[in-house]
Amino acid sequence: TVLLALVEVVRQQAGMSEDLRAELQDFLRKLDIQTSCVEHPPVFTVEEMMPHLQDVSGAVTKNLFLKDKKKKGLWLVSARHDRQVRLAPLTSLSVRLGNLRFADEAAMMEKLKVGQGCASALALLFDSDRSVRLVLDRDLLDGGHQLVYFHPMTNSATMGLRPQDLLRFLRETGHEPVLESFD
């Protein structure tokens, strides 16, 4: 019976993520933002994802959902998948991040409506109180990429959009990114 309960939870989450994905796509359509989507099996790491995205042209992202030591701030860091993201250097940002660590999945579900492996800048659509700050790899906007790729509320697909459309989406959701250069 425990296995059946677990299967039911997974089924409910899959249905919820499909509904949220449809809501995201409607929002993008209203902004006249065109996307390119690659469907693939569920993935939880960049290493699992990359074989499915070999043929895309653009920058694939990885995303870290973080909290500060005192749990007063939540941060989403979106960087190119091949970048080193060290938490210590982020503490020197003008926003004075201090002692960052990974936020738990409950906080991610509450704020972004996604679980582990699904967090991305596109999930900021559901951060209705705008409590999550975005740190964005500067290269995603300024690197000359045709498209930048994020999970669209599910880890069984990856959606590409033009960098200028990403910025417009973020501003429409009330999330002006903090730009950071990663090596």
N, C-alpha and C. Protein backbone atom coordinates (compact mmCIF):
# COMPACT_ATOMS: atom_id res chain seq x y z
N THR A 1 0.81 -1.21 0.00
CA THR A 1 0.00 0.00 0.00
C THR A 1 0.85 1.27 0.00
N VAL A 2 2.05 1.20 0.59
CA VAL A 2 2.95 2.37 0.57
C VAL A 2 3.35 2.67 -0.86
N LEU A 3 3.64 1.62 -1.63
CA LEU A 3 4.02 1.80 -3.03
C LEU A 3 2.88 2.42 -3.83
N LEU A 4 1.67 1.96 -3.60
CA LEU A 4 0.51 2.54 -4.29
C LEU A 4 0.31 4.00 -3.94
N ALA A 5 0.51 4.34 -2.67
CA ALA A 5 0.39 5.74 -2.25
C ALA A 5 1.45 6.60 -2.93
N LEU A 6 2.67 6.08 -3.02
CA LEU A 6 3.76 6.80 -3.68
C LEU A 6 3.46 7.01 -5.16
N VAL A 7 2.95 5.98 -5.81
CA VAL A 7 2.58 6.08 -7.23
C VAL A 7 1.51 7.16 -7.41
N GLU A 8 0.55 7.22 -6.51
CA GLU A 8 -0.52 8.22 -6.60
C GLU A 8 0.03 9.64 -6.43
N VAL A 9 0.96 9.83 -5.50
CA VAL A 9 1.59 11.14 -5.30
C VAL A 9 2.33 11.57 -6.56
N VAL A 10 3.09 10.66 -7.16
CA VAL A 10 3.82 10.97 -8.39
C VAL A 10 2.84 11.32 -9.50
N ARG A 11 1.75 10.58 -9.62
CA ARG A 11 0.74 10.85 -10.65
C ARG A 11 0.12 12.24 -10.45
N GLN A 12 -0.19 12.60 -9.20
CA GLN A 12 -0.76 13.91 -8.91
C GLN A 12 0.23 15.03 -9.25
N GLN A 13 1.50 14.84 -8.89
CA GLN A 13 2.51 15.86 -9.19
C GLN A 13 2.68 16.03 -10.69
N ALA A 14 2.65 14.92 -11.44
CA ALA A 14 2.78 15.01 -12.89
C ALA A 14 1.62 15.79 -13.48
N GLY A 15 0.41 15.53 -12.99
CA GLY A 15 -0.76 16.27 -13.47
C GLY A 15 -0.67 17.74 -13.13
N MET A 16 -0.21 18.04 -11.91
CA MET A 16 -0.07 19.43 -11.49
C MET A 16 0.97 20.15 -12.35
N SER A 17 2.10 19.48 -12.62
CA SER A 17 3.14 20.15 -13.41
C SER A 17 2.66 20.37 -14.85
N GLU A 18 1.83 19.48 -15.38
CA GLU A 18 1.29 19.69 -16.72
C GLU A 18 0.33 20.88 -16.74
N ASP A 19 -0.49 21.02 -15.70
CA ASP A 19 -1.38 22.18 -15.60
C ASP A 19 -0.58 23.48 -15.49
N LEU A 20 0.46 23.46 -14.67
CA LEU A 20 1.30 24.65 -14.51
C LEU A 20 2.05 24.97 -15.80
N ARG A 21 2.49 23.93 -16.49
CA ARG A 21 3.17 24.14 -17.77
C ARG A 21 2.22 24.80 -18.77
N ALA A 22 0.98 24.35 -18.81
CA ALA A 22 -0.02 24.95 -19.71
C ALA A 22 -0.25 26.41 -19.34
N GLU A 23 -0.29 26.71 -18.04
CA GLU A 23 -0.46 28.09 -17.58
C GLU A 23 0.74 28.95 -18.00
N LEU A 24 1.93 28.40 -17.88
CA LEU A 24 3.15 29.10 -18.32
C LEU A 24 3.09 29.37 -19.82
N GLN A 25 2.72 28.35 -20.59
CA GLN A 25 2.66 28.53 -22.04
C GLN A 25 1.61 29.57 -22.44
N ASP A 26 0.50 29.61 -21.75
CA ASP A 26 -0.52 30.64 -22.01
C ASP A 26 0.04 32.03 -21.73
N PHE A 27 0.77 32.17 -20.62
CA PHE A 27 1.37 33.46 -20.26
C PHE A 27 2.37 33.90 -21.34
N LEU A 28 3.20 32.97 -21.79
CA LEU A 28 4.19 33.29 -22.83
C LEU A 28 3.49 33.67 -24.14
N ARG A 29 2.41 32.96 -24.45
CA ARG A 29 1.65 33.27 -25.68
C ARG A 29 1.07 34.67 -25.62
N LYS A 30 0.54 35.06 -24.46
CA LYS A 30 -0.03 36.41 -24.30
C LYS A 30 1.04 37.48 -24.48
N LEU A 31 2.28 37.15 -24.14
CA LEU A 31 3.39 38.09 -24.35
C LEU A 31 3.97 37.99 -25.76
N ASP A 32 3.38 37.11 -26.57
CA ASP A 32 3.86 36.85 -27.93
C ASP A 32 5.32 36.37 -27.92
N ILE A 33 5.64 35.52 -26.95
CA ILE A 33 6.98 34.93 -26.85
C ILE A 33 6.92 33.54 -27.46
N GLN A 34 7.73 33.33 -28.47
CA GLN A 34 7.80 32.04 -29.14
C GLN A 34 8.84 31.17 -28.44
N THR A 35 8.56 29.88 -28.37
CA THR A 35 9.46 28.96 -27.70
C THR A 35 9.72 27.74 -28.57
N SER A 36 10.76 27.04 -28.22
CA SER A 36 11.09 25.77 -28.85
C SER A 36 11.23 24.76 -27.71
N CYS A 37 10.53 23.64 -27.82
CA CYS A 37 10.50 22.71 -26.70
C CYS A 37 11.02 21.33 -27.11
N VAL A 38 11.84 20.75 -26.24
CA VAL A 38 12.35 19.39 -26.42
C VAL A 38 11.74 18.54 -25.31
N GLU A 39 11.00 17.52 -25.69
CA GLU A 39 10.43 16.57 -24.72
C GLU A 39 11.46 15.47 -24.48
N HIS A 40 11.58 15.02 -23.25
CA HIS A 40 12.54 13.96 -22.91
C HIS A 40 12.08 13.27 -21.63
N PRO A 41 12.69 12.15 -21.29
CA PRO A 41 12.33 11.50 -20.01
C PRO A 41 12.67 12.43 -18.84
N PRO A 42 12.04 12.24 -17.69
CA PRO A 42 12.37 13.07 -16.52
C PRO A 42 13.87 12.98 -16.19
N VAL A 43 14.47 14.14 -15.92
CA VAL A 43 15.89 14.21 -15.58
C VAL A 43 16.05 15.03 -14.30
N PHE A 44 17.05 14.67 -13.52
CA PHE A 44 17.27 15.36 -12.25
C PHE A 44 18.62 16.04 -12.16
N THR A 45 19.49 15.78 -13.14
CA THR A 45 20.81 16.41 -13.15
C THR A 45 21.13 16.89 -14.56
N VAL A 46 22.08 17.80 -14.64
CA VAL A 46 22.54 18.29 -15.95
C VAL A 46 23.10 17.12 -16.76
N GLU A 47 23.83 16.23 -16.10
CA GLU A 47 24.42 15.09 -16.79
C GLU A 47 23.35 14.21 -17.44
N GLU A 48 22.23 14.02 -16.75
CA GLU A 48 21.13 13.24 -17.32
C GLU A 48 20.46 13.97 -18.47
N MET A 49 20.42 15.29 -18.40
CA MET A 49 19.69 16.09 -19.38
C MET A 49 20.44 16.25 -20.70
N MET A 50 21.75 16.44 -20.63
CA MET A 50 22.50 16.86 -21.82
C MET A 50 22.40 15.91 -23.01
N PRO A 51 22.39 14.59 -22.84
CA PRO A 51 22.25 13.74 -24.03
C PRO A 51 20.97 14.01 -24.83
N HIS A 52 19.94 14.50 -24.17
CA HIS A 52 18.67 14.78 -24.85
C HIS A 52 18.69 16.13 -25.57
N LEU A 53 19.70 16.95 -25.28
CA LEU A 53 19.75 18.30 -25.84
C LEU A 53 20.95 18.52 -26.75
N GLN A 54 21.52 17.45 -27.26
CA GLN A 54 22.71 17.55 -28.10
C GLN A 54 22.48 18.38 -29.36
N ASP A 55 21.27 18.38 -29.86
CA ASP A 55 20.99 19.04 -31.14
C ASP A 55 20.45 20.46 -31.02
N VAL A 56 20.36 21.00 -29.80
CA VAL A 56 19.84 22.35 -29.66
C VAL A 56 20.95 23.37 -29.85
N SER A 57 20.58 24.52 -30.39
CA SER A 57 21.56 25.60 -30.51
C SER A 57 21.19 26.67 -29.50
N GLY A 58 22.10 26.91 -28.59
CA GLY A 58 21.83 27.89 -27.55
C GLY A 58 22.45 27.46 -26.24
N ALA A 59 22.07 28.14 -25.18
CA ALA A 59 22.64 27.90 -23.85
C ALA A 59 21.63 27.13 -23.00
N VAL A 60 22.05 25.98 -22.53
CA VAL A 60 21.26 25.18 -21.61
C VAL A 60 21.62 25.62 -20.19
N THR A 61 20.63 25.70 -19.32
CA THR A 61 20.88 26.22 -17.98
C THR A 61 20.83 25.15 -16.90
N LYS A 62 21.48 25.49 -15.80
CA LYS A 62 21.28 24.76 -14.55
C LYS A 62 20.80 25.78 -13.54
N ASN A 63 20.06 25.32 -12.56
CA ASN A 63 19.39 26.23 -11.63
C ASN A 63 19.55 25.73 -10.20
N LEU A 64 19.86 26.66 -9.30
CA LEU A 64 20.03 26.34 -7.89
C LEU A 64 19.05 27.18 -7.09
N PHE A 65 18.28 26.54 -6.23
CA PHE A 65 17.33 27.24 -5.37
C PHE A 65 17.95 27.32 -3.98
N LEU A 66 18.21 28.54 -3.52
CA LEU A 66 19.01 28.75 -2.32
C LEU A 66 18.27 29.60 -1.29
N LYS A 67 18.73 29.49 -0.06
CA LYS A 67 18.24 30.37 1.01
C LYS A 67 19.46 30.90 1.74
N ASP A 68 19.29 32.05 2.39
CA ASP A 68 20.40 32.56 3.20
C ASP A 68 20.33 31.93 4.58
N LYS A 69 21.38 32.12 5.34
CA LYS A 69 21.51 31.45 6.64
C LYS A 69 20.32 31.69 7.56
N LYS A 70 19.84 32.90 7.56
CA LYS A 70 18.75 33.25 8.48
C LYS A 70 17.37 32.99 7.88
N LYS A 71 17.35 32.36 6.70
CA LYS A 71 16.10 32.00 6.02
C LYS A 71 15.23 33.20 5.72
N LYS A 72 15.85 34.35 5.59
CA LYS A 72 15.07 35.55 5.27
C LYS A 72 14.95 35.77 3.77
N GLY A 73 15.87 35.20 3.03
CA GLY A 73 15.85 35.42 1.60
C GLY A 73 15.93 34.13 0.82
N LEU A 74 15.19 34.06 -0.28
CA LEU A 74 15.24 32.93 -1.19
C LEU A 74 15.80 33.42 -2.51
N TRP A 75 16.66 32.61 -3.10
CA TRP A 75 17.37 32.98 -4.32
C TRP A 75 17.32 31.84 -5.32
N LEU A 76 17.11 32.19 -6.57
CA LEU A 76 17.24 31.23 -7.66
C LEU A 76 18.43 31.69 -8.48
N VAL A 77 19.40 30.81 -8.65
CA VAL A 77 20.57 31.11 -9.47
C VAL A 77 20.43 30.31 -10.75
N SER A 78 20.42 31.00 -11.89
CA SER A 78 20.34 30.36 -13.20
C SER A 78 21.61 30.69 -13.97
N ALA A 79 22.34 29.64 -14.34
CA ALA A 79 23.61 29.81 -15.05
C ALA A 79 23.70 28.80 -16.18
N ARG A 80 24.61 29.08 -17.12
CA ARG A 80 24.87 28.11 -18.17
C ARG A 80 25.26 26.79 -17.54
N HIS A 81 24.83 25.70 -18.15
CA HIS A 81 25.04 24.37 -17.56
C HIS A 81 26.51 24.03 -17.33
N ASP A 82 27.40 24.63 -18.10
CA ASP A 82 28.82 24.29 -18.00
C ASP A 82 29.61 25.27 -17.13
N ARG A 83 28.93 26.13 -16.42
CA ARG A 83 29.58 27.10 -15.54
C ARG A 83 29.78 26.52 -14.14
N GLN A 84 30.86 26.97 -13.50
CA GLN A 84 31.08 26.66 -12.09
C GLN A 84 30.33 27.70 -11.29
N VAL A 85 29.44 27.28 -10.44
CA VAL A 85 28.71 28.20 -9.58
C VAL A 85 29.16 27.92 -8.15
N ARG A 86 29.93 28.84 -7.62
CA ARG A 86 30.40 28.71 -6.24
C ARG A 86 29.56 29.63 -5.37
N LEU A 87 29.09 29.12 -4.27
CA LEU A 87 28.21 29.91 -3.42
C LEU A 87 28.96 31.02 -2.71
N ALA A 88 30.20 30.78 -2.32
CA ALA A 88 30.95 31.79 -1.56
C ALA A 88 31.08 33.12 -2.32
N PRO A 89 31.45 33.12 -3.61
CA PRO A 89 31.55 34.41 -4.30
C PRO A 89 30.23 35.18 -4.40
N LEU A 90 29.12 34.48 -4.33
CA LEU A 90 27.83 35.16 -4.40
C LEU A 90 27.60 36.05 -3.19
N THR A 91 28.31 35.79 -2.11
CA THR A 91 28.14 36.62 -0.91
C THR A 91 28.68 38.02 -1.12
N SER A 92 29.46 38.23 -2.18
CA SER A 92 30.01 39.57 -2.43
C SER A 92 29.12 40.43 -3.31
N LEU A 93 27.99 39.90 -3.73
CA LEU A 93 27.08 40.68 -4.56
C LEU A 93 26.58 41.91 -3.82
N SER A 94 26.17 42.88 -4.58
CA SER A 94 25.68 44.12 -3.97
C SER A 94 24.45 43.88 -3.10
N VAL A 95 23.77 42.78 -3.30
CA VAL A 95 22.59 42.48 -2.49
C VAL A 95 22.96 41.85 -1.15
N ARG A 96 24.24 41.65 -0.92
CA ARG A 96 24.74 41.16 0.37
C ARG A 96 24.16 39.80 0.77
N LEU A 97 24.34 38.86 -0.10
CA LEU A 97 23.94 37.50 0.26
C LEU A 97 24.90 36.98 1.30
N GLY A 98 24.39 36.29 2.27
CA GLY A 98 25.27 35.77 3.29
C GLY A 98 25.01 34.31 3.59
N ASN A 99 26.05 33.52 3.58
CA ASN A 99 26.01 32.14 4.01
C ASN A 99 24.88 31.36 3.34
N LEU A 100 24.97 31.24 2.04
CA LEU A 100 23.93 30.57 1.27
C LEU A 100 24.01 29.06 1.41
N ARG A 101 22.84 28.44 1.35
CA ARG A 101 22.76 26.99 1.32
C ARG A 101 21.53 26.62 0.50
N PHE A 102 21.43 25.35 0.14
CA PHE A 102 20.29 24.92 -0.65
C PHE A 102 19.01 24.99 0.18
N ALA A 103 17.96 25.51 -0.43
CA ALA A 103 16.65 25.55 0.22
C ALA A 103 16.01 24.16 0.10
N ASP A 104 15.10 23.86 0.99
CA ASP A 104 14.47 22.55 0.94
C ASP A 104 13.36 22.53 -0.12
N GLU A 105 12.95 21.31 -0.44
CA GLU A 105 11.95 21.14 -1.49
C GLU A 105 10.60 21.74 -1.11
N ALA A 106 10.28 21.75 0.18
CA ALA A 106 9.00 22.34 0.62
C ALA A 106 8.95 23.82 0.27
N ALA A 107 10.05 24.54 0.47
CA ALA A 107 10.10 25.96 0.12
C ALA A 107 9.97 26.15 -1.39
N MET A 108 10.60 25.25 -2.15
CA MET A 108 10.51 25.33 -3.60
C MET A 108 9.07 25.10 -4.07
N MET A 109 8.41 24.12 -3.48
CA MET A 109 7.01 23.85 -3.83
C MET A 109 6.12 25.03 -3.46
N GLU A 110 6.36 25.60 -2.29
CA GLU A 110 5.53 26.72 -1.83
C GLU A 110 5.69 27.95 -2.72
N LYS A 111 6.92 28.28 -3.06
CA LYS A 111 7.19 29.53 -3.79
C LYS A 111 7.11 29.39 -5.30
N LEU A 112 7.63 28.28 -5.85
CA LEU A 112 7.73 28.13 -7.30
C LEU A 112 6.77 27.09 -7.87
N LYS A 113 6.14 26.32 -7.00
CA LYS A 113 5.19 25.28 -7.41
C LYS A 113 5.85 24.12 -8.15
N VAL A 114 7.15 23.93 -7.95
CA VAL A 114 7.87 22.82 -8.57
C VAL A 114 8.67 22.06 -7.52
N GLY A 115 8.98 20.81 -7.85
CA GLY A 115 9.80 19.99 -6.98
C GLY A 115 11.23 19.91 -7.48
N GLN A 116 11.99 19.03 -6.84
CA GLN A 116 13.40 18.86 -7.16
C GLN A 116 13.58 18.52 -8.63
N GLY A 117 14.56 19.15 -9.25
CA GLY A 117 14.86 18.90 -10.65
C GLY A 117 14.05 19.75 -11.61
N CYS A 118 13.14 20.57 -11.11
CA CYS A 118 12.26 21.35 -11.99
C CYS A 118 12.41 22.86 -11.85
N ALA A 119 13.16 23.32 -10.86
CA ALA A 119 13.30 24.76 -10.64
C ALA A 119 13.97 25.42 -11.84
N SER A 120 13.43 26.56 -12.25
CA SER A 120 14.04 27.34 -13.32
C SER A 120 13.47 28.75 -13.27
N ALA A 121 14.07 29.64 -14.03
CA ALA A 121 13.59 31.03 -14.08
C ALA A 121 12.14 31.10 -14.55
N LEU A 122 11.69 30.13 -15.33
CA LEU A 122 10.31 30.14 -15.80
C LEU A 122 9.32 29.90 -14.67
N ALA A 123 9.75 29.23 -13.61
CA ALA A 123 8.88 28.98 -12.46
C ALA A 123 8.62 30.26 -11.66
N LEU A 124 9.37 31.32 -11.92
CA LEU A 124 9.14 32.58 -11.21
C LEU A 124 7.76 33.17 -11.53
N LEU A 125 7.13 32.69 -12.58
CA LEU A 125 5.76 33.10 -12.88
C LEU A 125 4.85 32.85 -11.67
N PHE A 126 5.15 31.81 -10.91
CA PHE A 126 4.28 31.41 -9.80
C PHE A 126 4.74 31.95 -8.45
N ASP A 127 5.79 32.76 -8.44
CA ASP A 127 6.24 33.43 -7.22
C ASP A 127 5.43 34.71 -7.09
N SER A 128 4.18 34.56 -6.69
CA SER A 128 3.23 35.68 -6.73
C SER A 128 3.59 36.82 -5.78
N ASP A 129 4.25 36.53 -4.68
CA ASP A 129 4.62 37.62 -3.77
C ASP A 129 6.03 38.17 -4.04
N ARG A 130 6.62 37.69 -5.12
CA ARG A 130 7.94 38.17 -5.58
C ARG A 130 9.00 38.09 -4.48
N SER A 131 8.97 37.01 -3.73
CA SER A 131 9.92 36.86 -2.62
C SER A 131 11.20 36.15 -3.03
N VAL A 132 11.23 35.59 -4.24
CA VAL A 132 12.43 34.90 -4.73
C VAL A 132 13.19 35.86 -5.63
N ARG A 133 14.46 36.08 -5.30
CA ARG A 133 15.32 36.94 -6.14
C ARG A 133 16.08 36.05 -7.12
N LEU A 134 16.29 36.55 -8.32
CA LEU A 134 16.97 35.79 -9.37
C LEU A 134 18.37 36.34 -9.59
N VAL A 135 19.36 35.45 -9.52
CA VAL A 135 20.72 35.76 -9.94
C VAL A 135 20.90 35.04 -11.27
N LEU A 136 21.14 35.81 -12.33
CA LEU A 136 21.18 35.27 -13.68
C LEU A 136 22.58 35.41 -14.25
N ASP A 137 23.06 34.35 -14.84
CA ASP A 137 24.35 34.36 -15.53
C ASP A 137 24.27 35.40 -16.65
N ARG A 138 25.13 36.40 -16.59
CA ARG A 138 25.15 37.49 -17.57
C ARG A 138 25.28 36.94 -19.00
N ASP A 139 25.99 35.84 -19.15
CA ASP A 139 26.21 35.25 -20.47
C ASP A 139 24.90 34.82 -21.12
N LEU A 140 23.89 34.48 -20.34
CA LEU A 140 22.61 34.06 -20.92
C LEU A 140 21.95 35.19 -21.71
N LEU A 141 22.19 36.43 -21.28
CA LEU A 141 21.62 37.58 -21.98
C LEU A 141 22.59 38.18 -23.00
N ASP A 142 23.87 38.19 -22.66
CA ASP A 142 24.86 38.91 -23.47
C ASP A 142 25.79 38.00 -24.27
N GLY A 143 25.59 36.69 -24.22
CA GLY A 143 26.53 35.76 -24.85
C GLY A 143 26.28 35.47 -26.31
N GLY A 144 25.30 36.13 -26.92
CA GLY A 144 25.03 35.90 -28.34
C GLY A 144 24.30 34.59 -28.63
N HIS A 145 23.63 34.04 -27.64
CA HIS A 145 22.91 32.77 -27.83
C HIS A 145 21.60 33.01 -28.57
N GLN A 146 21.30 32.12 -29.52
CA GLN A 146 20.03 32.21 -30.23
C GLN A 146 18.88 31.95 -29.26
N LEU A 147 19.01 30.93 -28.44
CA LEU A 147 18.00 30.58 -27.45
C LEU A 147 18.67 30.23 -26.12
N VAL A 148 17.94 30.41 -25.04
CA VAL A 148 18.37 29.94 -23.72
C VAL A 148 17.30 28.96 -23.24
N TYR A 149 17.75 27.86 -22.63
CA TYR A 149 16.86 26.74 -22.32
C TYR A 149 16.66 26.53 -20.83
N PHE A 150 15.40 26.33 -20.44
CA PHE A 150 14.99 26.10 -19.06
C PHE A 150 13.91 25.02 -19.02
N HIS A 151 13.74 24.37 -17.88
CA HIS A 151 12.61 23.46 -17.69
C HIS A 151 11.33 24.28 -17.55
N PRO A 152 10.27 23.87 -18.28
CA PRO A 152 8.98 24.58 -18.19
C PRO A 152 8.03 23.93 -17.17
N MET A 153 8.38 24.02 -15.88
CA MET A 153 7.56 23.49 -14.78
C MET A 153 7.59 21.97 -14.68
N THR A 154 8.40 21.34 -15.48
CA THR A 154 8.54 19.89 -15.45
C THR A 154 9.96 19.55 -15.87
N ASN A 155 10.49 18.44 -15.34
CA ASN A 155 11.82 18.03 -15.75
C ASN A 155 11.77 17.00 -16.88
N SER A 156 10.62 16.89 -17.52
CA SER A 156 10.50 16.00 -18.67
C SER A 156 10.41 16.79 -19.98
N ALA A 157 10.83 18.05 -19.93
CA ALA A 157 10.90 18.89 -21.13
C ALA A 157 11.88 20.03 -20.85
N THR A 158 12.41 20.58 -21.93
CA THR A 158 13.29 21.74 -21.83
C THR A 158 12.84 22.73 -22.90
N MET A 159 12.61 23.98 -22.48
CA MET A 159 12.05 25.01 -23.35
C MET A 159 13.08 26.09 -23.64
N GLY A 160 13.21 26.43 -24.91
CA GLY A 160 14.12 27.50 -25.31
C GLY A 160 13.35 28.75 -25.69
N LEU A 161 13.91 29.91 -25.30
CA LEU A 161 13.35 31.19 -25.71
C LEU A 161 14.51 32.16 -25.94
N ARG A 162 14.25 33.19 -26.71
CA ARG A 162 15.30 34.16 -27.02
C ARG A 162 15.68 34.92 -25.76
N PRO A 163 16.95 35.28 -25.62
CA PRO A 163 17.39 35.99 -24.41
C PRO A 163 16.57 37.25 -24.12
N GLN A 164 16.25 38.03 -25.15
CA GLN A 164 15.48 39.25 -24.91
C GLN A 164 14.06 38.92 -24.46
N ASP A 165 13.52 37.78 -24.89
CA ASP A 165 12.20 37.36 -24.43
C ASP A 165 12.26 36.87 -22.98
N LEU A 166 13.35 36.22 -22.61
CA LEU A 166 13.53 35.82 -21.21
C LEU A 166 13.50 37.05 -20.32
N LEU A 167 14.24 38.08 -20.70
CA LEU A 167 14.29 39.30 -19.90
C LEU A 167 12.90 39.95 -19.81
N ARG A 168 12.18 39.96 -20.92
CA ARG A 168 10.82 40.53 -20.92
C ARG A 168 9.91 39.71 -20.01
N PHE A 169 10.00 38.39 -20.08
CA PHE A 169 9.22 37.51 -19.21
C PHE A 169 9.51 37.81 -17.74
N LEU A 170 10.79 37.91 -17.40
CA LEU A 170 11.16 38.16 -16.00
C LEU A 170 10.61 39.50 -15.52
N ARG A 171 10.71 40.50 -16.35
CA ARG A 171 10.20 41.83 -15.95
C ARG A 171 8.68 41.82 -15.82
N GLU A 172 8.00 41.10 -16.69
CA GLU A 172 6.54 41.00 -16.60
C GLU A 172 6.09 40.29 -15.33
N THR A 173 6.93 39.39 -14.81
CA THR A 173 6.59 38.69 -13.58
C THR A 173 7.09 39.43 -12.35
N GLY A 174 7.74 40.58 -12.55
CA GLY A 174 8.24 41.37 -11.42
C GLY A 174 9.56 40.89 -10.86
N HIS A 175 10.36 40.23 -11.68
CA HIS A 175 11.64 39.67 -11.24
C HIS A 175 12.79 40.24 -12.07
N GLU A 176 13.25 41.41 -11.69
CA GLU A 176 14.42 42.00 -12.35
C GLU A 176 15.65 41.20 -11.90
N PRO A 177 16.38 40.61 -12.84
CA PRO A 177 17.50 39.76 -12.42
C PRO A 177 18.72 40.55 -11.94
N VAL A 178 19.45 39.95 -11.01
CA VAL A 178 20.77 40.42 -10.63
C VAL A 178 21.73 39.68 -11.56
N LEU A 179 22.46 40.41 -12.40
CA LEU A 179 23.36 39.76 -13.36
C LEU A 179 24.71 39.50 -12.71
N GLU A 180 25.22 38.30 -12.95
CA GLU A 180 26.50 37.89 -12.37
C GLU A 180 27.28 37.14 -13.44
N SER A 181 28.59 37.33 -13.46
CA SER A 181 29.46 36.60 -14.39
C SER A 181 30.02 35.37 -13.68
N PHE A 182 29.80 34.21 -14.28
CA PHE A 182 30.33 32.95 -13.76
C PHE A 182 31.41 32.45 -14.69
N ASP A 183 32.41 31.77 -14.15
CA ASP A 183 33.50 31.22 -14.99
C ASP A 183 33.13 29.85 -15.51
